[in-house]
């Protein structure tokens, strides 16, 4: 008996599917945030190295990830 005997193929497939689904939701949220802000977030983060925006965006993505994880885990 190995450690992998209890793992079902359907669980692996659903984990991969929900991983990509959650990532696509996060990317969609990034696109919406970029669309509604009056300035380019990419320029602010990469060229201007605005630390405040980086912290706010990081916190926003952590919050979105928690919400998405809670939604995906509900039966």
PDB file of N, CA and C in Angstrom:
ATOM      1  N   UNK A   1       0.853  -1.183   0.000  1.00  0.00           N
ATOM      2  CA  UNK A   1       0.000   0.000   0.000  1.00  0.00           C
ATOM      3  C   UNK A   1       0.893   1.239   0.000  1.00  0.00           C
ATOM      4  N   UNK A   2       0.676   2.100  -0.974  1.00  0.00           N
ATOM      5  CA  UNK A   2       1.471   3.321  -1.080  1.00  0.00           C
ATOM      6  C   UNK A   2       0.669   4.513  -0.558  1.00  0.00           C
ATOM      7  N   UNK A   3       1.325   5.630  -0.509  1.00  0.00           N
ATOM      8  CA  UNK A   3       0.668   6.847  -0.021  1.00  0.00           C
ATOM      9  C   UNK A   3      -0.328   7.398  -1.022  1.00  0.00           C
ATOM     10  N   UNK A   4      -0.245   6.978  -2.281  1.00  0.00           N
ATOM     11  CA  UNK A   4      -1.104   7.513  -3.329  1.00  0.00           C
ATOM     12  C   UNK A   4      -2.325   6.657  -3.610  1.00  0.00           C
ATOM     13  N   UNK A   5      -2.543   5.603  -2.852  1.00  0.00           N
ATOM     14  CA  UNK A   5      -3.684   4.719  -3.110  1.00  0.00           C
ATOM     15  C   UNK A   5      -5.024   5.398  -2.830  1.00  0.00           C
ATOM     16  N   UNK A   6      -5.074   6.318  -1.905  1.00  0.00           N
ATOM     17  CA  UNK A   6      -6.331   6.964  -1.541  1.00  0.00           C
ATOM     18  C   UNK A   6      -6.711   8.129  -2.433  1.00  0.00           C
ATOM     19  N   UNK A   7      -5.838   8.502  -3.363  1.00  0.00           N
ATOM     20  CA  UNK A   7      -6.101   9.636  -4.234  1.00  0.00           C
ATOM     21  C   UNK A   7      -6.841   9.164  -5.475  1.00  0.00           C
ATOM     22  N   UNK A   8      -7.980   9.774  -5.732  1.00  0.00           N
ATOM     23  CA  UNK A   8      -8.757   9.437  -6.918  1.00  0.00           C
ATOM     24  C   UNK A   8      -8.369  10.342  -8.074  1.00  0.00           C
ATOM     25  N   UNK A   9      -8.487   9.818  -9.297  1.00  0.00           N
ATOM     26  CA  UNK A   9      -8.166  10.598 -10.483  1.00  0.00           C
ATOM     27  C   UNK A   9      -9.088  11.800 -10.612  1.00  0.00           C
ATOM     28  N   UNK A  10     -10.350  11.641 -10.241  1.00  0.00           N
ATOM     29  CA  UNK A  10     -11.305  12.747 -10.339  1.00  0.00           C
ATOM     30  C   UNK A  10     -10.931  13.892  -9.401  1.00  0.00           C
ATOM     31  N   UNK A  11     -10.345  13.579  -8.257  1.00  0.00           N
ATOM     32  CA  UNK A  11      -9.910  14.633  -7.341  1.00  0.00           C
ATOM     33  C   UNK A  11      -8.753  15.428  -7.921  1.00  0.00           C
ATOM     34  N   UNK A  12      -7.850  14.761  -8.597  1.00  0.00           N
ATOM     35  CA  UNK A  12      -6.709  15.440  -9.221  1.00  0.00           C
ATOM     36  C   UNK A  12      -7.196  16.343 -10.347  1.00  0.00           C
ATOM     37  N   UNK A  13      -8.105  15.822 -11.173  1.00  0.00           N
ATOM     38  CA  UNK A  13      -8.633  16.604 -12.290  1.00  0.00           C
ATOM     39  C   UNK A  13      -9.404  17.821 -11.777  1.00  0.00           C
ATOM     40  N   UNK A  14     -10.227  17.630 -10.754  1.00  0.00           N
ATOM     41  CA  UNK A  14     -10.994  18.766 -10.224  1.00  0.00           C
ATOM     42  C   UNK A  14     -10.073  19.791  -9.567  1.00  0.00           C
ATOM     43  N   UNK A  15      -9.008  19.352  -8.929  1.00  0.00           N
ATOM     44  CA  UNK A  15      -8.054  20.291  -8.337  1.00  0.00           C
ATOM     45  C   UNK A  15      -7.380  21.125  -9.412  1.00  0.00           C
ATOM     46  N   UNK A  16      -6.970  20.480 -10.499  1.00  0.00           N
ATOM     47  CA  UNK A  16      -6.335  21.217 -11.608  1.00  0.00           C
ATOM     48  C   UNK A  16      -7.329  22.183 -12.240  1.00  0.00           C
ATOM     49  N   UNK A  17      -8.567  21.732 -12.447  1.00  0.00           N
ATOM     50  CA  UNK A  17      -9.586  22.595 -13.041  1.00  0.00           C
ATOM     51  C   UNK A  17      -9.849  23.818 -12.169  1.00  0.00           C
ATOM     52  N   UNK A  18     -10.056  23.607 -10.875  1.00  0.00           N
ATOM     53  CA  UNK A  18     -10.365  24.734  -9.997  1.00  0.00           C
ATOM     54  C   UNK A  18      -9.167  25.647  -9.792  1.00  0.00           C
ATOM     55  N   UNK A  19      -7.962  25.118  -9.912  1.00  0.00           N
ATOM     56  CA  UNK A  19      -6.780  25.974  -9.847  1.00  0.00           C
ATOM     57  C   UNK A  19      -6.776  26.952 -11.017  1.00  0.00           C
ATOM     58  N   UNK A  20      -6.982  26.434 -12.222  1.00  0.00           N
ATOM     59  CA  UNK A  20      -6.995  27.310 -13.390  1.00  0.00           C
ATOM     60  C   UNK A  20      -8.222  28.225 -13.391  1.00  0.00           C
ATOM     61  N   UNK A  21      -9.329  27.761 -12.866  1.00  0.00           N
ATOM     62  CA  UNK A  21     -10.522  28.598 -12.760  1.00  0.00           C
ATOM     63  C   UNK A  21     -10.264  29.765 -11.804  1.00  0.00           C
ATOM     64  N   UNK A  22      -9.666  29.496 -10.660  1.00  0.00           N
ATOM     65  CA  UNK A  22      -9.342  30.557  -9.704  1.00  0.00           C
ATOM     66  C   UNK A  22      -8.333  31.547 -10.267  1.00  0.00           C
ATOM     67  N   UNK A  23      -7.329  31.038 -10.987  1.00  0.00           N
ATOM     68  CA  UNK A  23      -6.353  31.933 -11.607  1.00  0.00           C
ATOM     69  C   UNK A  23      -6.987  32.807 -12.679  1.00  0.00           C
ATOM     70  N   UNK A  24      -7.906  32.230 -13.445  1.00  0.00           N
ATOM     71  CA  UNK A  24      -8.574  33.042 -14.467  1.00  0.00           C
ATOM     72  C   UNK A  24      -9.459  34.112 -13.832  1.00  0.00           C
ATOM     73  N   UNK A  25     -10.081  33.805 -12.702  1.00  0.00           N
ATOM     74  CA  UNK A  25     -10.857  34.826 -11.995  1.00  0.00           C
ATOM     75  C   UNK A  25      -9.961  35.946 -11.480  1.00  0.00           C
ATOM     76  N   UNK A  26      -8.789  35.590 -10.956  1.00  0.00           N
ATOM     77  CA  UNK A  26      -7.857  36.615 -10.489  1.00  0.00           C
ATOM     78  C   UNK A  26      -7.370  37.488 -11.650  1.00  0.00           C
ATOM     79  N   UNK A  27      -7.084  36.881 -12.792  1.00  0.00           N
ATOM     80  CA  UNK A  27      -6.669  37.666 -13.949  1.00  0.00           C
ATOM     81  C   UNK A  27      -7.792  38.564 -14.454  1.00  0.00           C
ATOM     82  N   UNK A  28      -9.020  38.067 -14.407  1.00  0.00           N
ATOM     83  CA  UNK A  28     -10.158  38.893 -14.803  1.00  0.00           C
ATOM     84  C   UNK A  28     -10.312  40.079 -13.859  1.00  0.00           C
ATOM     85  N   UNK A  29     -10.102  39.862 -12.572  1.00  0.00           N
ATOM     86  CA  UNK A  29     -10.171  40.972 -11.613  1.00  0.00           C
ATOM     87  C   UNK A  29      -9.060  41.979 -11.867  1.00  0.00           C
ATOM     88  N   UNK A  30      -7.853  41.500 -12.199  1.00  0.00           N
ATOM     89  CA  UNK A  30      -6.756  42.412 -12.531  1.00  0.00           C
ATOM     90  C   UNK A  30      -7.129  43.263 -13.740  1.00  0.00           C
ATOM     91  N   UNK A  31      -7.717  42.626 -14.759  1.00  0.00           N
ATOM     92  CA  UNK A  31      -8.101  43.346 -15.959  1.00  0.00           C
ATOM     93  C   UNK A  31      -9.161  44.401 -15.637  1.00  0.00           C
ATOM     94  N   UNK A  32     -10.140  44.059 -14.790  1.00  0.00           N
ATOM     95  CA  UNK A  32     -11.175  45.029 -14.419  1.00  0.00           C
ATOM     96  C   UNK A  32     -10.604  46.194 -13.627  1.00  0.00           C
ATOM     97  N   UNK A  33      -9.698  45.911 -12.721  1.00  0.00           N
ATOM     98  CA  UNK A  33      -9.074  46.975 -11.933  1.00  0.00           C
ATOM     99  C   UNK A  33      -8.270  47.887 -12.847  1.00  0.00           C
ATOM    100  N   UNK A  34      -7.527  47.285 -13.772  1.00  0.00           N
ATOM    101  CA  UNK A  34      -6.743  48.074 -14.735  1.00  0.00           C
ATOM    102  C   UNK A  34      -7.655  48.921 -15.619  1.00  0.00           C
ATOM    103  N   UNK A  35      -8.816  48.381 -15.958  1.00  0.00           N
ATOM    104  CA  UNK A  35      -9.764  49.087 -16.818  1.00  0.00           C
ATOM    105  C   UNK A  35     -10.362  50.311 -16.122  1.00  0.00           C
ATOM    106  N   UNK A  36     -10.674  50.198 -14.833  1.00  0.00           N
ATOM    107  CA  UNK A  36     -11.378  51.268 -14.138  1.00  0.00           C
ATOM    108  C   UNK A  36     -10.479  52.298 -13.456  1.00  0.00           C
ATOM    109  N   UNK A  37      -9.195  52.036 -13.351  1.00  0.00           N
ATOM    110  CA  UNK A  37      -8.315  53.037 -12.750  1.00  0.00           C
ATOM    111  C   UNK A  37      -7.944  54.081 -13.794  1.00  0.00           C
ATOM    112  N   UNK A  38      -7.820  55.332 -13.384  1.00  0.00           N
ATOM    113  CA  UNK A  38      -7.530  56.394 -14.353  1.00  0.00           C
ATOM    114  C   UNK A  38      -6.067  56.430 -14.809  1.00  0.00           C
ATOM    115  N   UNK A  39      -5.224  55.587 -14.248  1.00  0.00           N
ATOM    116  CA  UNK A  39      -3.810  55.555 -14.618  1.00  0.00           C
ATOM    117  C   UNK A  39      -3.411  54.106 -14.853  1.00  0.00           C
ATOM    118  N   UNK A  40      -2.265  53.892 -15.453  1.00  0.00           N
ATOM    119  CA  UNK A  40      -1.782  52.547 -15.745  1.00  0.00           C
ATOM    120  C   UNK A  40      -1.117  51.954 -14.504  1.00  0.00           C
ATOM    121  N   UNK A  41      -1.701  50.890 -14.001  1.00  0.00           N
ATOM    122  CA  UNK A  41      -1.106  50.234 -12.836  1.00  0.00           C
ATOM    123  C   UNK A  41       0.228  49.589 -13.194  1.00  0.00           C
ATOM    124  N   UNK A  42       0.303  49.049 -14.383  1.00  0.00           N
ATOM    125  CA  UNK A  42       1.557  48.414 -14.818  1.00  0.00           C
ATOM    126  C   UNK A  42       2.697  49.436 -14.851  1.00  0.00           C
ATOM    127  N   UNK A  43       2.419  50.639 -15.355  1.00  0.00           N
ATOM    128  CA  UNK A  43       3.439  51.686 -15.395  1.00  0.00           C
ATOM    129  C   UNK A  43       3.810  52.112 -13.978  1.00  0.00           C
ATOM    130  N   UNK A  44       2.818  52.260 -13.127  1.00  0.00           N
ATOM    131  CA  UNK A  44       3.081  52.669 -11.745  1.00  0.00           C
ATOM    132  C   UNK A  44       3.931  51.619 -11.002  1.00  0.00           C
ATOM    133  N   UNK A  45       3.661  50.354 -11.269  1.00  0.00           N
ATOM    134  CA  UNK A  45       4.391  49.306 -10.564  1.00  0.00           C
ATOM    135  C   UNK A  45       5.779  49.069 -11.149  1.00  0.00           C
ATOM    136  N   UNK A  46       5.886  49.020 -12.468  1.00  0.00           N
ATOM    137  CA  UNK A  46       7.158  48.667 -13.096  1.00  0.00           C
ATOM    138  C   UNK A  46       8.103  49.849 -13.258  1.00  0.00           C
ATOM    139  N   UNK A  47       7.612  50.925 -13.831  1.00  0.00           N
ATOM    140  CA  UNK A  47       8.499  52.046 -14.138  1.00  0.00           C
ATOM    141  C   UNK A  47       8.700  52.975 -12.944  1.00  0.00           C
ATOM    142  N   UNK A  48       7.599  53.365 -12.302  1.00  0.00           N
ATOM    143  CA  UNK A  48       7.695  54.310 -11.195  1.00  0.00           C
ATOM    144  C   UNK A  48       8.003  53.626  -9.866  1.00  0.00           C
ATOM    145  N   UNK A  49       7.845  52.311  -9.791  1.00  0.00           N
ATOM    146  CA  UNK A  49       8.087  51.514  -8.579  1.00  0.00           C
ATOM    147  C   UNK A  49       7.347  52.094  -7.373  1.00  0.00           C
ATOM    148  N   UNK A  50       6.059  52.305  -7.566  1.00  0.00           N
ATOM    149  CA  UNK A  50       5.201  52.856  -6.531  1.00  0.00           C
ATOM    150  C   UNK A  50       4.889  51.759  -5.510  1.00  0.00           C
ATOM    151  N   UNK A  51       5.524  51.836  -4.351  1.00  0.00           N
ATOM    152  CA  UNK A  51       5.383  50.807  -3.324  1.00  0.00           C
ATOM    153  C   UNK A  51       3.984  50.790  -2.727  1.00  0.00           C
ATOM    154  N   UNK A  52       3.372  51.940  -2.592  1.00  0.00           N
ATOM    155  CA  UNK A  52       2.036  52.011  -2.004  1.00  0.00           C
ATOM    156  C   UNK A  52       1.022  51.259  -2.868  1.00  0.00           C
ATOM    157  N   UNK A  53       1.085  51.438  -4.166  1.00  0.00           N
ATOM    158  CA  UNK A  53       0.164  50.724  -5.057  1.00  0.00           C
ATOM    159  C   UNK A  53       0.458  49.233  -5.031  1.00  0.00           C
ATOM    160  N   UNK A  54       1.726  48.868  -4.937  1.00  0.00           N
ATOM    161  CA  UNK A  54       2.080  47.447  -4.868  1.00  0.00           C
ATOM    162  C   UNK A  54       1.495  46.797  -3.620  1.00  0.00           C
ATOM    163  N   UNK A  55       1.533  47.483  -2.499  1.00  0.00           N
ATOM    164  CA  UNK A  55       0.982  46.939  -1.256  1.00  0.00           C
ATOM    165  C   UNK A  55      -0.538  46.830  -1.348  1.00  0.00           C
ATOM    166  N   UNK A  56      -1.181  47.854  -1.877  1.00  0.00           N
ATOM    167  CA  UNK A  56      -2.644  47.828  -2.022  1.00  0.00           C
ATOM    168  C   UNK A  56      -3.074  46.726  -2.977  1.00  0.00           C
ATOM    169  N   UNK A  57      -2.397  46.589  -4.103  1.00  0.00           N
ATOM    170  CA  UNK A  57      -2.744  45.539  -5.067  1.00  0.00           C
ATOM    171  C   UNK A  57      -2.487  44.150  -4.493  1.00  0.00           C
ATOM    172  N   UNK A  58      -1.398  43.989  -3.768  1.00  0.00           N
ATOM    173  CA  UNK A  58      -1.118  42.700  -3.132  1.00  0.00           C
ATOM    174  C   UNK A  58      -2.185  42.332  -2.121  1.00  0.00           C
ATOM    175  N   UNK A  59      -2.586  43.293  -1.299  1.00  0.00           N
ATOM    176  CA  UNK A  59      -3.646  43.043  -0.319  1.00  0.00           C
ATOM    177  C   UNK A  59      -4.970  42.745  -1.004  1.00  0.00           C
ATOM    178  N   UNK A  60      -5.231  43.428  -2.111  1.00  0.00           N
ATOM    179  CA  UNK A  60      -6.465  43.195  -2.841  1.00  0.00           C
ATOM    180  C   UNK A  60      -6.484  41.785  -3.433  1.00  0.00           C
ATOM    181  N   UNK A  61      -5.360  41.336  -3.968  1.00  0.00           N
ATOM    182  CA  UNK A  61      -5.313  39.999  -4.536  1.00  0.00           C
ATOM    183  C   UNK A  61      -5.384  38.916  -3.460  1.00  0.00           C
ATOM    184  N   UNK A  62      -4.834  39.160  -2.292  1.00  0.00           N
ATOM    185  CA  UNK A  62      -4.982  38.204  -1.199  1.00  0.00           C
ATOM    186  C   UNK A  62      -6.442  38.118  -0.781  1.00  0.00           C
ATOM    187  N   UNK A  63      -7.111  39.261  -0.694  1.00  0.00           N
ATOM    188  CA  UNK A  63      -8.532  39.256  -0.342  1.00  0.00           C
ATOM    189  C   UNK A  63      -9.361  38.556  -1.408  1.00  0.00           C
ATOM    190  N   UNK A  64      -9.080  38.820  -2.682  1.00  0.00           N
ATOM    191  CA  UNK A  64      -9.795  38.145  -3.758  1.00  0.00           C
ATOM    192  C   UNK A  64      -9.533  36.643  -3.734  1.00  0.00           C
ATOM    193  N   UNK A  65      -8.309  36.239  -3.446  1.00  0.00           N
ATOM    194  CA  UNK A  65      -7.990  34.817  -3.387  1.00  0.00           C
ATOM    195  C   UNK A  65      -8.736  34.130  -2.253  1.00  0.00           C
ATOM    196  N   UNK A  66      -8.879  34.790  -1.125  1.00  0.00           N
ATOM    197  CA  UNK A  66      -9.633  34.220  -0.005  1.00  0.00           C
ATOM    198  C   UNK A  66     -11.103  34.080  -0.373  1.00  0.00           C
ATOM    199  N   UNK A  67     -11.649  35.091  -1.012  1.00  0.00           N
ATOM    200  CA  UNK A  67     -13.059  35.028  -1.430  1.00  0.00           C
ATOM    201  C   UNK A  67     -13.279  33.933  -2.463  1.00  0.00           C
ATOM    202  N   UNK A  68     -12.403  33.852  -3.463  1.00  0.00           N
ATOM    203  CA  UNK A  68     -12.538  32.830  -4.491  1.00  0.00           C
ATOM    204  C   UNK A  68     -12.386  31.436  -3.890  1.00  0.00           C
ATOM    205  N   UNK A  69     -11.441  31.264  -2.972  1.00  0.00           N
ATOM    206  CA  UNK A  69     -11.261  29.960  -2.324  1.00  0.00           C
ATOM    207  C   UNK A  69     -12.489  29.575  -1.517  1.00  0.00           C
ATOM    208  N   UNK A  70     -13.090  30.532  -0.835  1.00  0.00           N
ATOM    209  CA  UNK A  70     -14.298  30.237  -0.057  1.00  0.00           C
ATOM    210  C   UNK A  70     -15.461  29.850  -0.967  1.00  0.00           C
ATOM    211  N   UNK A  71     -15.569  30.512  -2.125  1.00  0.00           N
ATOM    212  CA  UNK A  71     -16.635  30.193  -3.057  1.00  0.00           C
ATOM    213  C   UNK A  71     -16.420  28.802  -3.649  1.00  0.00           C
ATOM    214  N   UNK A  72     -15.201  28.478  -4.006  1.00  0.00           N
ATOM    215  CA  UNK A  72     -14.928  27.183  -4.622  1.00  0.00           C
ATOM    216  C   UNK A  72     -15.064  26.021  -3.636  1.00  0.00           C
ATOM    217  N   UNK A  73     -14.881  26.282  -2.366  1.00  0.00           N
ATOM    218  CA  UNK A  73     -14.956  25.207  -1.373  1.00  0.00           C
ATOM    219  C   UNK A  73     -16.361  24.928  -0.874  1.00  0.00           C
ATOM    220  N   UNK A  74     -17.312  25.800  -1.162  1.00  0.00           N
ATOM    221  CA  UNK A  74     -18.675  25.559  -0.711  1.00  0.00           C
ATOM    222  C   UNK A  74     -19.301  24.458  -1.553  1.00  0.00           C
ATOM    223  N   UNK A  75     -20.073  23.594  -0.915  1.00  0.00           N
ATOM    224  CA  UNK A  75     -20.685  22.480  -1.664  1.00  0.00           C
ATOM    225  C   UNK A  75     -21.838  22.914  -2.537  1.00  0.00           C
TER     226      UNK A  75
END
